[in-house]
C-alpha atoms as a PDB file:
ATOM      1  CA  MET A   1      31.267  22.694 -94.651  1.00  0.00           C
ATOM      2  CA  LYS A   2      31.357  19.347 -96.450  1.00  0.00           C
ATOM      3  CA  LEU A   3      34.440  17.152 -96.193  1.00  0.00           C
ATOM      4  CA  ALA A   4      35.544  14.948 -99.085  1.00  0.00           C
ATOM      5  CA  ASP A   5      37.442  11.691 -98.541  1.00  0.00           C
ATOM      6  CA  ILE A   6      40.752  11.908-100.416  1.00  0.00           C
ATOM      7  CA  GLY A   7      41.951   8.466 -99.363  1.00  0.00           C
ATOM      8  CA  TYR A   8      43.394   6.609 -96.399  1.00  0.00           C
ATOM      9  CA  GLY A   9      41.171   8.342 -93.865  1.00  0.00           C
ATOM     10  CA  ASN A  10      42.108  11.859 -94.994  1.00  0.00           C
ATOM     11  CA  TYR A  11      39.519  14.520 -95.728  1.00  0.00           C
ATOM     12  CA  VAL A  12      39.537  17.976 -97.299  1.00  0.00           C
ATOM     13  CA  ALA A  13      36.934  20.744 -97.359  1.00  0.00           C
ATOM     14  CA  ALA A  14      35.465  20.241-100.843  1.00  0.00           C
ATOM     15  CA  GLU A  15      34.659  23.916-101.408  1.00  0.00           C
ATOM     16  CA  LYS A  16      38.281  24.937-100.697  1.00  0.00           C
ATOM     17  CA  VAL A  17      39.766  22.834-103.526  1.00  0.00           C
ATOM     18  CA  LEU A  18      40.772  24.798-106.620  1.00  0.00           C
ATOM     19  CA  ALA A  19      42.219  21.998-108.752  1.00  0.00           C
ATOM     20  CA  VAL A  20      43.222  18.349-108.788  1.00  0.00           C
ATOM     21  CA  CYS A  21      46.232  17.659-111.030  1.00  0.00           C
ATOM     22  CA  ALA A  22      48.469  14.805-112.065  1.00  0.00           C
ATOM     23  CA  PRO A  23      51.977  15.158-110.589  1.00  0.00           C
ATOM     24  CA  ASP A  24      53.797  14.362-113.853  1.00  0.00           C
ATOM     25  CA  ALA A  25      53.833  17.771-115.572  1.00  0.00           C
ATOM     26  CA  ALA A  26      56.905  19.961-115.105  1.00  0.00           C
ATOM     27  CA  PRO A  27      54.924  23.046-113.937  1.00  0.00           C
ATOM     28  CA  ILE A  28      53.198  20.988-111.233  1.00  0.00           C
ATOM     29  CA  LYS A  29      56.534  19.530-110.133  1.00  0.00           C
ATOM     30  CA  ARG A  30      57.960  23.068-109.824  1.00  0.00           C
ATOM     31  CA  LEU A  31      54.890  24.200-107.901  1.00  0.00           C
ATOM     32  CA  VAL A  32      55.238  21.311-105.445  1.00  0.00           C
ATOM     33  CA  THR A  33      58.995  21.880-105.029  1.00  0.00           C
ATOM     34  CA  GLU A  34      58.502  25.584-104.293  1.00  0.00           C
ATOM     35  CA  ALA A  35      55.674  24.834-101.855  1.00  0.00           C
ATOM     36  CA  LYS A  36      57.830  22.246-100.048  1.00  0.00           C
ATOM     37  CA  GLU A  37      60.534  24.866 -99.548  1.00  0.00           C
ATOM     38  CA  LYS A  38      57.929  27.150 -97.952  1.00  0.00           C
ATOM     39  CA  GLY A  39      56.444  24.361 -95.826  1.00  0.00           C
ATOM     40  CA  ARG A  40      53.067  24.475 -97.601  1.00  0.00           C
ATOM     41  CA  VAL A  41      52.829  20.811 -98.679  1.00  0.00           C
ATOM     42  CA  ILE A  42      50.934  18.112 -96.817  1.00  0.00           C
ATOM     43  CA  ASP A  43      51.675  14.536 -97.886  1.00  0.00           C
ATOM     44  CA  VAL A  44      48.590  12.364 -97.325  1.00  0.00           C
ATOM     45  CA  THR A  45      49.782   9.385 -99.379  1.00  0.00           C
ATOM     46  CA  CYS A  46      50.529   7.199 -96.347  1.00  0.00           C
ATOM     47  CA  GLY A  47      53.780   6.067 -97.968  1.00  0.00           C
ATOM     48  CA  LYS A  48      52.226   5.265-101.347  1.00  0.00           C
ATOM     49  CA  LYS A  49      53.184   6.790-104.706  1.00  0.00           C
ATOM     50  CA  THR A  50      51.896  10.324-105.297  1.00  0.00           C
ATOM     51  CA  LYS A  51      49.235  10.142-108.009  1.00  0.00           C
ATOM     52  CA  SER A  52      47.471  13.474-107.511  1.00  0.00           C
ATOM     53  CA  VAL A  53      48.247  17.025-106.434  1.00  0.00           C
ATOM     54  CA  ILE A  54      45.380  18.921-104.796  1.00  0.00           C
ATOM     55  CA  LEU A  55      45.603  22.713-104.863  1.00  0.00           C
ATOM     56  CA  THR A  56      43.599  24.645-102.254  1.00  0.00           C
ATOM     57  CA  GLU A  57      42.442  28.256-101.921  1.00  0.00           C
ATOM     58  CA  ASN A  58      44.855  29.078 -99.111  1.00  0.00           C
ATOM     59  CA  GLY A  59      47.959  27.911-101.012  1.00  0.00           C
ATOM     60  CA  ILE A  60      48.315  24.557 -99.252  1.00  0.00           C
ATOM     61  CA  ILE A  61      49.146  21.674-101.596  1.00  0.00           C
ATOM     62  CA  LEU A  62      48.063  18.140-100.734  1.00  0.00           C
ATOM     63  CA  LEU A  63      49.804  15.117-102.235  1.00  0.00           C
ATOM     64  CA  GLY A  64      47.365  12.236-102.654  1.00  0.00           C
ATOM     65  CA  ALA A  65      47.691   8.543-103.446  1.00  0.00           C
ATOM     66  CA  LEU A  66      44.459   8.330-105.455  1.00  0.00           C
ATOM     67  CA  THR A  67      44.330   9.215-109.143  1.00  0.00           C
ATOM     68  CA  PRO A  68      43.134  12.712-110.070  1.00  0.00           C
ATOM     69  CA  GLU A  69      40.014  11.167-111.629  1.00  0.00           C
ATOM     70  CA  LYS A  70      39.097   9.262-108.467  1.00  0.00           C
ATOM     71  CA  THR A  71      39.823  12.289-106.263  1.00  0.00           C
ATOM     72  CA  ALA A  72      37.708  14.595-108.455  1.00  0.00           C
ATOM     73  CA  GLU A  73      34.908  12.028-108.438  1.00  0.00           C
ATOM     74  CA  ARG A  74      34.913  11.977-104.642  1.00  0.00           C
ATOM     75  CA  LEU A  75      34.901  15.783-104.493  1.00  0.00           C
ATOM     76  CA  GLN A  76      31.953  15.968-106.908  1.00  0.00           C
ATOM     77  CA  LEU A  77      29.978  13.310-105.034  1.00  0.00           C
ATOM     78  CA  ASP A  78      30.359  15.242-101.809  1.00  0.00           C
ATOM     79  CA  GLU A  79      29.331  18.521-103.486  1.00  0.00           C
ATOM     80  CA  GLY A  80      26.278  16.806-104.971  1.00  0.00           C
ATOM     81  CA  SER A  81      25.154  15.518-101.590  1.00  0.00           C
ATOM     82  CA  GLU A  82      25.382  19.081-100.234  1.00  0.00           C
ATOM     83  CA  LYS A  83      22.961  20.341-102.890  1.00  0.00           C
ATOM     84  CA  ASN A  84      20.466  17.579-102.090  1.00  0.00           C
ATOM     85  CA  ASP A  85      20.283  18.416 -98.379  1.00  0.00           C
END
């Protein structure tokens, strides 16, 4: 299992990530609100503004402080290093 750095010393299993989204869209906001009510949100922003929402296979939602582009880049870099091993 390869871990991807999602900022501020937090890591996620790269192969478990389904999507990385911007938090601005209304459907994503609803998804986050519903997940918070069910206790399925992990805030890894370290007090910073939420800039990305990371959706995982098991229904856990991570709130990140890096942009979706930067987060996706880090996930892809880690997947690429796995293929080169």
